Amino acid sequence: MATEPQKHILLAEDNPGDVQLLQYAVLTYGRLSWCIYRVADGEAALAFLRQEGVYAGMPRLDLALLDIGLPRRDGWEVLRLLRTLPRLATLPVVMLTGVLTPRDEAQCVALRPQACLVKPMKIEDYRHVVEAIEQQLDVSARSG
């Protein structure tokens, strides 16, 4: 049986606690091999995605996880700009948030990320987040 190639994922998240919870959940519940690159604000996310400055030469991503409430540029603005770049317009994106507001729901409809997921309060509930992300990775692998 062939092993699955490692999945390269950008995690744009400013809360270190949320980063640790997601990393723990991936190790505990994930079935795929993830290589997570982390940035803490929207400007750094754009630089990483464009492979600019210190992010030059980074590998091609399989998926971007964007926290909606990022400093410097929020996740929606990062996604909006991402969709204007021909090389990155089709990159699968999953939005993460602590609370899904009506504005976020409207942005989800307008900008059409692969998913909008609410970050759980309990670690065991992260299983569903990991499963949803891996489902998007499976879909993009089959279509790409």
N, C-alpha and C. Protein backbone atom coordinates (compact mmCIF):
# COMPACT_ATOMS: atom_id res chain seq x y z
N MET A 1 0.84 -1.18 0.00
CA MET A 1 0.00 0.00 0.00
C MET A 1 0.88 1.25 0.00
N ALA A 2 0.60 2.17 -0.92
CA ALA A 2 1.39 3.39 -1.02
C ALA A 2 1.00 4.35 0.10
N THR A 3 2.00 5.03 0.62
CA THR A 3 1.70 6.00 1.67
C THR A 3 1.26 7.31 1.03
N GLU A 4 0.34 7.98 1.70
CA GLU A 4 -0.15 9.28 1.24
C GLU A 4 0.96 10.31 1.37
N PRO A 5 1.10 11.19 0.37
CA PRO A 5 2.08 12.27 0.55
C PRO A 5 1.63 13.21 1.66
N GLN A 6 2.60 13.84 2.28
CA GLN A 6 2.31 14.78 3.35
C GLN A 6 1.52 15.97 2.79
N LYS A 7 0.54 16.44 3.55
CA LYS A 7 -0.29 17.58 3.16
C LYS A 7 0.30 18.86 3.75
N HIS A 8 0.57 19.83 2.89
CA HIS A 8 1.15 21.10 3.30
C HIS A 8 0.01 22.10 3.52
N ILE A 9 -0.10 22.57 4.76
CA ILE A 9 -1.23 23.40 5.17
C ILE A 9 -0.72 24.66 5.85
N LEU A 10 -1.26 25.80 5.41
CA LEU A 10 -0.98 27.06 6.10
C LEU A 10 -2.06 27.27 7.14
N LEU A 11 -1.65 27.50 8.38
CA LEU A 11 -2.56 27.85 9.45
C LEU A 11 -2.30 29.30 9.83
N ALA A 12 -3.23 30.18 9.50
CA ALA A 12 -3.13 31.60 9.86
C ALA A 12 -4.00 31.79 11.10
N GLU A 13 -3.36 31.83 12.26
CA GLU A 13 -4.06 31.87 13.55
C GLU A 13 -3.21 32.66 14.54
N ASP A 14 -3.82 33.65 15.19
CA ASP A 14 -3.07 34.49 16.12
C ASP A 14 -3.14 34.02 17.56
N ASN A 15 -3.99 33.06 17.87
CA ASN A 15 -4.14 32.57 19.24
C ASN A 15 -3.31 31.31 19.44
N PRO A 16 -2.21 31.37 20.22
CA PRO A 16 -1.36 30.19 20.42
C PRO A 16 -2.12 29.00 21.00
N GLY A 17 -3.11 29.26 21.85
CA GLY A 17 -3.91 28.17 22.41
C GLY A 17 -4.69 27.42 21.34
N ASP A 18 -5.27 28.15 20.39
CA ASP A 18 -6.00 27.51 19.30
C ASP A 18 -5.05 26.72 18.40
N VAL A 19 -3.84 27.24 18.19
CA VAL A 19 -2.84 26.52 17.40
C VAL A 19 -2.51 25.19 18.08
N GLN A 20 -2.26 25.22 19.39
CA GLN A 20 -1.93 23.99 20.12
C GLN A 20 -3.07 22.99 20.09
N LEU A 21 -4.30 23.46 20.26
CA LEU A 21 -5.45 22.56 20.22
C LEU A 21 -5.57 21.89 18.86
N LEU A 22 -5.42 22.65 17.80
CA LEU A 22 -5.53 22.07 16.46
C LEU A 22 -4.41 21.08 16.20
N GLN A 23 -3.18 21.43 16.58
CA GLN A 23 -2.06 20.51 16.37
C GLN A 23 -2.26 19.21 17.15
N TYR A 24 -2.72 19.31 18.38
CA TYR A 24 -3.00 18.12 19.19
C TYR A 24 -4.11 17.29 18.53
N ALA A 25 -5.16 17.96 18.06
CA ALA A 25 -6.27 17.25 17.42
C ALA A 25 -5.83 16.54 16.15
N VAL A 26 -4.96 17.16 15.37
CA VAL A 26 -4.46 16.52 14.15
C VAL A 26 -3.70 15.25 14.50
N LEU A 27 -2.85 15.31 15.53
CA LEU A 27 -2.09 14.13 15.94
C LEU A 27 -3.00 13.05 16.52
N THR A 28 -4.04 13.46 17.22
CA THR A 28 -4.93 12.52 17.89
C THR A 28 -5.97 11.92 16.94
N TYR A 29 -6.57 12.76 16.10
CA TYR A 29 -7.71 12.32 15.29
C TYR A 29 -7.42 12.22 13.79
N GLY A 30 -6.34 12.81 13.35
CA GLY A 30 -6.07 12.85 11.91
C GLY A 30 -5.67 11.49 11.36
N ARG A 31 -6.01 11.27 10.10
CA ARG A 31 -5.60 10.05 9.41
C ARG A 31 -4.59 10.36 8.31
N LEU A 32 -4.42 11.64 8.00
CA LEU A 32 -3.46 12.07 7.00
C LEU A 32 -2.23 12.66 7.69
N SER A 33 -1.14 12.74 6.95
CA SER A 33 0.08 13.36 7.46
C SER A 33 0.05 14.84 7.09
N TRP A 34 0.03 15.71 8.11
CA TRP A 34 -0.03 17.15 7.91
C TRP A 34 1.32 17.78 8.20
N CYS A 35 1.72 18.72 7.39
CA CYS A 35 2.85 19.60 7.69
C CYS A 35 2.25 21.00 7.78
N ILE A 36 2.17 21.52 9.00
CA ILE A 36 1.49 22.80 9.25
C ILE A 36 2.52 23.93 9.33
N TYR A 37 2.30 24.95 8.51
CA TYR A 37 3.09 26.18 8.55
C TYR A 37 2.19 27.22 9.21
N ARG A 38 2.69 27.90 10.22
CA ARG A 38 1.85 28.82 10.98
C ARG A 38 2.32 30.25 10.83
N VAL A 39 1.36 31.14 10.61
CA VAL A 39 1.59 32.57 10.65
C VAL A 39 0.55 33.17 11.59
N ALA A 40 0.83 34.36 12.13
CA ALA A 40 -0.04 34.91 13.17
C ALA A 40 -0.86 36.12 12.75
N ASP A 41 -0.77 36.55 11.49
CA ASP A 41 -1.59 37.69 11.05
C ASP A 41 -1.84 37.61 9.55
N GLY A 42 -2.77 38.44 9.10
CA GLY A 42 -3.17 38.41 7.69
C GLY A 42 -2.07 38.84 6.73
N GLU A 43 -1.26 39.82 7.13
CA GLU A 43 -0.14 40.24 6.26
C GLU A 43 0.84 39.09 6.04
N ALA A 44 1.19 38.40 7.12
CA ALA A 44 2.11 37.26 7.00
C ALA A 44 1.48 36.15 6.17
N ALA A 45 0.18 35.94 6.31
CA ALA A 45 -0.50 34.92 5.50
C ALA A 45 -0.37 35.24 4.02
N LEU A 46 -0.60 36.50 3.66
CA LEU A 46 -0.46 36.88 2.24
C LEU A 46 0.97 36.72 1.76
N ALA A 47 1.94 37.12 2.57
CA ALA A 47 3.35 36.97 2.18
C ALA A 47 3.68 35.49 1.99
N PHE A 48 3.20 34.63 2.89
CA PHE A 48 3.45 33.20 2.75
C PHE A 48 2.81 32.69 1.46
N LEU A 49 1.56 33.03 1.24
CA LEU A 49 0.84 32.54 0.06
C LEU A 49 1.49 33.01 -1.24
N ARG A 50 2.01 34.23 -1.22
CA ARG A 50 2.69 34.77 -2.41
C ARG A 50 4.15 34.33 -2.49
N GLN A 51 4.64 33.66 -1.45
CA GLN A 51 6.03 33.20 -1.34
C GLN A 51 7.00 34.38 -1.41
N GLU A 52 6.70 35.41 -0.63
CA GLU A 52 7.52 36.61 -0.61
C GLU A 52 8.42 36.64 0.62
N GLY A 53 9.54 37.34 0.51
CA GLY A 53 10.44 37.56 1.65
C GLY A 53 10.91 36.27 2.27
N VAL A 54 10.75 36.14 3.59
CA VAL A 54 11.22 34.95 4.30
C VAL A 54 10.47 33.69 3.88
N TYR A 55 9.36 33.86 3.15
CA TYR A 55 8.56 32.70 2.73
C TYR A 55 8.87 32.26 1.30
N ALA A 56 9.87 32.87 0.68
CA ALA A 56 10.26 32.46 -0.67
C ALA A 56 10.72 31.00 -0.63
N GLY A 57 10.30 30.25 -1.60
CA GLY A 57 10.72 28.85 -1.69
C GLY A 57 9.92 27.88 -0.85
N MET A 58 8.87 28.35 -0.20
CA MET A 58 8.03 27.43 0.58
C MET A 58 7.29 26.50 -0.37
N PRO A 59 6.93 25.32 0.10
CA PRO A 59 6.27 24.36 -0.80
C PRO A 59 4.87 24.81 -1.20
N ARG A 60 4.40 24.24 -2.27
CA ARG A 60 3.02 24.49 -2.73
C ARG A 60 2.06 23.93 -1.68
N LEU A 61 1.07 24.72 -1.33
CA LEU A 61 0.13 24.32 -0.30
C LEU A 61 -0.99 23.45 -0.86
N ASP A 62 -1.51 22.58 0.01
CA ASP A 62 -2.69 21.80 -0.32
C ASP A 62 -3.95 22.48 0.19
N LEU A 63 -3.80 23.35 1.21
CA LEU A 63 -4.96 23.98 1.81
C LEU A 63 -4.49 25.12 2.72
N ALA A 64 -5.33 26.14 2.85
CA ALA A 64 -5.07 27.22 3.81
C ALA A 64 -6.21 27.25 4.83
N LEU A 65 -5.84 27.32 6.10
CA LEU A 65 -6.79 27.51 7.20
C LEU A 65 -6.64 28.94 7.68
N LEU A 66 -7.69 29.74 7.53
CA LEU A 66 -7.62 31.16 7.88
C LEU A 66 -8.57 31.47 9.02
N ASP A 67 -8.02 31.98 10.11
CA ASP A 67 -8.85 32.48 11.20
C ASP A 67 -9.52 33.75 10.70
N ILE A 68 -10.81 33.88 10.92
CA ILE A 68 -11.53 35.06 10.45
C ILE A 68 -11.04 36.31 11.17
N GLY A 69 -10.71 36.21 12.46
CA GLY A 69 -10.33 37.37 13.26
C GLY A 69 -8.84 37.65 13.32
N LEU A 70 -8.14 37.49 12.22
CA LEU A 70 -6.70 37.77 12.21
C LEU A 70 -6.41 39.26 12.37
N PRO A 71 -5.30 39.61 13.05
CA PRO A 71 -4.88 41.01 13.07
C PRO A 71 -4.26 41.41 11.72
N ARG A 72 -4.16 42.70 11.50
CA ARG A 72 -3.54 43.35 10.34
C ARG A 72 -4.37 43.21 9.06
N ARG A 73 -4.87 42.07 8.75
CA ARG A 73 -5.85 41.83 7.68
C ARG A 73 -6.66 40.64 8.13
N ASP A 74 -7.98 40.78 8.18
CA ASP A 74 -8.76 39.64 8.67
C ASP A 74 -8.80 38.53 7.62
N GLY A 75 -9.26 37.38 8.03
CA GLY A 75 -9.29 36.22 7.15
C GLY A 75 -10.08 36.44 5.88
N TRP A 76 -11.19 37.19 5.99
CA TRP A 76 -12.00 37.46 4.80
C TRP A 76 -11.24 38.29 3.79
N GLU A 77 -10.49 39.29 4.27
CA GLU A 77 -9.70 40.12 3.36
C GLU A 77 -8.60 39.30 2.70
N VAL A 78 -7.97 38.42 3.46
CA VAL A 78 -6.94 37.54 2.89
C VAL A 78 -7.56 36.67 1.80
N LEU A 79 -8.71 36.07 2.08
CA LEU A 79 -9.36 35.22 1.08
C LEU A 79 -9.75 36.03 -0.16
N ARG A 80 -10.29 37.22 0.05
CA ARG A 80 -10.70 38.07 -1.08
C ARG A 80 -9.49 38.36 -1.98
N LEU A 81 -8.36 38.73 -1.38
CA LEU A 81 -7.15 39.01 -2.17
C LEU A 81 -6.60 37.75 -2.81
N LEU A 82 -6.65 36.66 -2.10
CA LEU A 82 -6.17 35.38 -2.62
C LEU A 82 -6.89 35.00 -3.91
N ARG A 83 -8.18 35.23 -3.95
CA ARG A 83 -8.99 34.86 -5.12
C ARG A 83 -8.69 35.72 -6.34
N THR A 84 -7.96 36.83 -6.17
CA THR A 84 -7.60 37.69 -7.30
C THR A 84 -6.26 37.28 -7.92
N LEU A 85 -5.55 36.37 -7.28
CA LEU A 85 -4.22 35.97 -7.76
C LEU A 85 -4.36 34.67 -8.57
N PRO A 86 -4.11 34.73 -9.88
CA PRO A 86 -4.35 33.55 -10.72
C PRO A 86 -3.69 32.27 -10.20
N ARG A 87 -2.49 32.37 -9.67
CA ARG A 87 -1.75 31.19 -9.20
C ARG A 87 -2.38 30.59 -7.95
N LEU A 88 -3.14 31.39 -7.20
CA LEU A 88 -3.68 30.93 -5.92
C LEU A 88 -5.21 30.92 -5.87
N ALA A 89 -5.86 31.34 -6.94
CA ALA A 89 -7.32 31.51 -6.92
C ALA A 89 -8.07 30.22 -6.60
N THR A 90 -7.49 29.08 -6.94
CA THR A 90 -8.20 27.81 -6.71
C THR A 90 -7.70 27.06 -5.47
N LEU A 91 -6.81 27.66 -4.70
CA LEU A 91 -6.32 27.01 -3.49
C LEU A 91 -7.50 26.77 -2.54
N PRO A 92 -7.70 25.55 -2.06
CA PRO A 92 -8.77 25.30 -1.09
C PRO A 92 -8.50 26.08 0.21
N VAL A 93 -9.56 26.72 0.71
CA VAL A 93 -9.46 27.52 1.93
C VAL A 93 -10.60 27.13 2.87
N VAL A 94 -10.24 26.94 4.13
CA VAL A 94 -11.21 26.70 5.19
C VAL A 94 -11.08 27.84 6.18
N MET A 95 -12.20 28.47 6.50
CA MET A 95 -12.23 29.57 7.45
C MET A 95 -12.52 29.01 8.84
N LEU A 96 -11.84 29.58 9.85
CA LEU A 96 -12.03 29.19 11.25
C LEU A 96 -12.46 30.40 12.05
N THR A 97 -13.36 30.19 13.00
CA THR A 97 -13.82 31.30 13.84
C THR A 97 -14.28 30.78 15.19
N GLY A 98 -14.23 31.66 16.18
CA GLY A 98 -14.76 31.31 17.49
C GLY A 98 -16.27 31.35 17.50
N VAL A 99 -16.85 32.31 16.77
CA VAL A 99 -18.31 32.47 16.68
C VAL A 99 -18.64 32.88 15.25
N LEU A 100 -19.56 32.17 14.63
CA LEU A 100 -19.98 32.49 13.27
C LEU A 100 -21.11 33.53 13.34
N THR A 101 -20.78 34.76 12.93
CA THR A 101 -21.75 35.86 12.99
C THR A 101 -22.55 35.92 11.68
N PRO A 102 -23.64 36.67 11.65
CA PRO A 102 -24.38 36.85 10.40
C PRO A 102 -23.49 37.45 9.29
N ARG A 103 -22.59 38.37 9.66
CA ARG A 103 -21.66 38.92 8.65
C ARG A 103 -20.78 37.82 8.08
N ASP A 104 -20.28 36.93 8.96
CA ASP A 104 -19.45 35.83 8.50
C ASP A 104 -20.22 34.89 7.58
N GLU A 105 -21.47 34.63 7.92
CA GLU A 105 -22.31 33.77 7.08
C GLU A 105 -22.49 34.39 5.69
N ALA A 106 -22.68 35.72 5.65
CA ALA A 106 -22.82 36.41 4.36
C ALA A 106 -21.50 36.35 3.57
N GLN A 107 -20.37 36.53 4.25
CA GLN A 107 -19.06 36.45 3.59
C GLN A 107 -18.82 35.04 3.07
N CYS A 108 -19.25 34.05 3.82
CA CYS A 108 -19.10 32.66 3.42
C CYS A 108 -19.83 32.42 2.09
N VAL A 109 -21.03 32.97 1.97
CA VAL A 109 -21.81 32.83 0.73
C VAL A 109 -21.12 33.60 -0.40
N ALA A 110 -20.65 34.81 -0.11
CA ALA A 110 -20.06 35.66 -1.15
C ALA A 110 -18.70 35.16 -1.64
N LEU A 111 -17.84 34.73 -0.70
CA LEU A 111 -16.46 34.38 -1.06
C LEU A 111 -16.24 32.87 -1.27
N ARG A 112 -17.18 32.07 -0.84
CA ARG A 112 -17.22 30.63 -1.08
C ARG A 112 -15.95 29.85 -0.73
N PRO A 113 -15.52 29.94 0.53
CA PRO A 113 -14.44 29.03 0.96
C PRO A 113 -15.00 27.60 0.97
N GLN A 114 -14.12 26.62 1.06
CA GLN A 114 -14.57 25.23 1.09
C GLN A 114 -15.43 24.95 2.32
N ALA A 115 -15.14 25.64 3.42
CA ALA A 115 -15.92 25.46 4.64
C ALA A 115 -15.68 26.62 5.58
N CYS A 116 -16.65 26.87 6.46
CA CYS A 116 -16.53 27.81 7.57
C CYS A 116 -16.78 26.99 8.83
N LEU A 117 -15.76 26.84 9.67
CA LEU A 117 -15.86 25.99 10.84
C LEU A 117 -15.71 26.79 12.12
N VAL A 118 -16.54 26.47 13.10
CA VAL A 118 -16.44 27.10 14.41
C VAL A 118 -15.46 26.29 15.25
N LYS A 119 -14.50 26.99 15.86
CA LYS A 119 -13.52 26.32 16.72
C LYS A 119 -14.22 25.84 17.99
N PRO A 120 -14.12 24.56 18.30
CA PRO A 120 -14.80 24.01 19.49
C PRO A 120 -14.17 24.49 20.79
N MET A 121 -14.95 24.32 21.85
CA MET A 121 -14.48 24.66 23.20
C MET A 121 -13.74 23.48 23.85
N LYS A 122 -14.09 22.25 23.45
CA LYS A 122 -13.50 21.06 24.06
C LYS A 122 -12.65 20.32 23.03
N ILE A 123 -11.54 19.77 23.48
CA ILE A 123 -10.61 19.10 22.57
C ILE A 123 -11.27 17.94 21.83
N GLU A 124 -12.13 17.18 22.50
CA GLU A 124 -12.74 16.04 21.82
C GLU A 124 -13.64 16.48 20.65
N ASP A 125 -14.15 17.72 20.70
CA ASP A 125 -14.98 18.22 19.61
C ASP A 125 -14.14 18.63 18.40
N TYR A 126 -12.83 18.75 18.58
CA TYR A 126 -11.95 19.05 17.46
C TYR A 126 -11.88 17.89 16.45
N ARG A 127 -12.30 16.71 16.86
CA ARG A 127 -12.34 15.57 15.94
C ARG A 127 -13.13 15.95 14.68
N HIS A 128 -14.25 16.64 14.87
CA HIS A 128 -15.10 17.02 13.74
C HIS A 128 -14.42 18.06 12.84
N VAL A 129 -13.65 18.95 13.44
CA VAL A 129 -12.91 19.95 12.67
C VAL A 129 -11.85 19.25 11.82
N VAL A 130 -11.09 18.34 12.42
CA VAL A 130 -10.05 17.61 11.70
C VAL A 130 -10.68 16.78 10.57
N GLU A 131 -11.78 16.11 10.86
CA GLU A 131 -12.45 15.31 9.83
C GLU A 131 -12.93 16.18 8.67
N ALA A 132 -13.49 17.35 8.97
CA ALA A 132 -13.97 18.25 7.92
C ALA A 132 -12.81 18.77 7.06
N ILE A 133 -11.70 19.10 7.69
CA ILE A 133 -10.53 19.58 6.94
C ILE A 133 -9.97 18.46 6.07
N GLU A 134 -9.85 17.27 6.63
CA GLU A 134 -9.32 16.15 5.84
C GLU A 134 -10.26 15.78 4.70
N GLN A 135 -11.55 15.95 4.88
CA GLN A 135 -12.49 15.72 3.80
C GLN A 135 -12.21 16.71 2.65
N GLN A 136 -11.93 17.96 2.98
CA GLN A 136 -11.60 18.95 1.94
C GLN A 136 -10.28 18.59 1.25
N LEU A 137 -9.32 18.09 2.00
CA LEU A 137 -8.06 17.66 1.41
C LEU A 137 -8.29 16.49 0.44
N ASP A 138 -9.16 15.57 0.82
CA ASP A 138 -9.49 14.44 -0.06
C ASP A 138 -10.15 14.92 -1.35
N VAL A 139 -11.10 15.84 -1.22
CA VAL A 139 -11.81 16.37 -2.38
C VAL A 139 -10.83 17.08 -3.31
N SER A 140 -9.97 17.92 -2.77
CA SER A 140 -9.03 18.66 -3.60
C SER A 140 -7.99 17.73 -4.25
N ALA A 141 -7.62 16.66 -3.56
CA ALA A 141 -6.67 15.70 -4.14
C ALA A 141 -7.29 14.97 -5.32
N ARG A 142 -8.57 14.65 -5.21
CA ARG A 142 -9.26 13.95 -6.31
C ARG A 142 -9.49 14.86 -7.51
N SER A 143 -9.75 16.15 -7.25
CA SER A 143 -10.04 17.06 -8.34
C SER A 143 -8.79 17.70 -8.95
N GLY A 144 -7.68 17.62 -8.19
CA GLY A 144 -6.45 18.27 -8.65
C GLY A 144 -5.59 17.31 -9.31
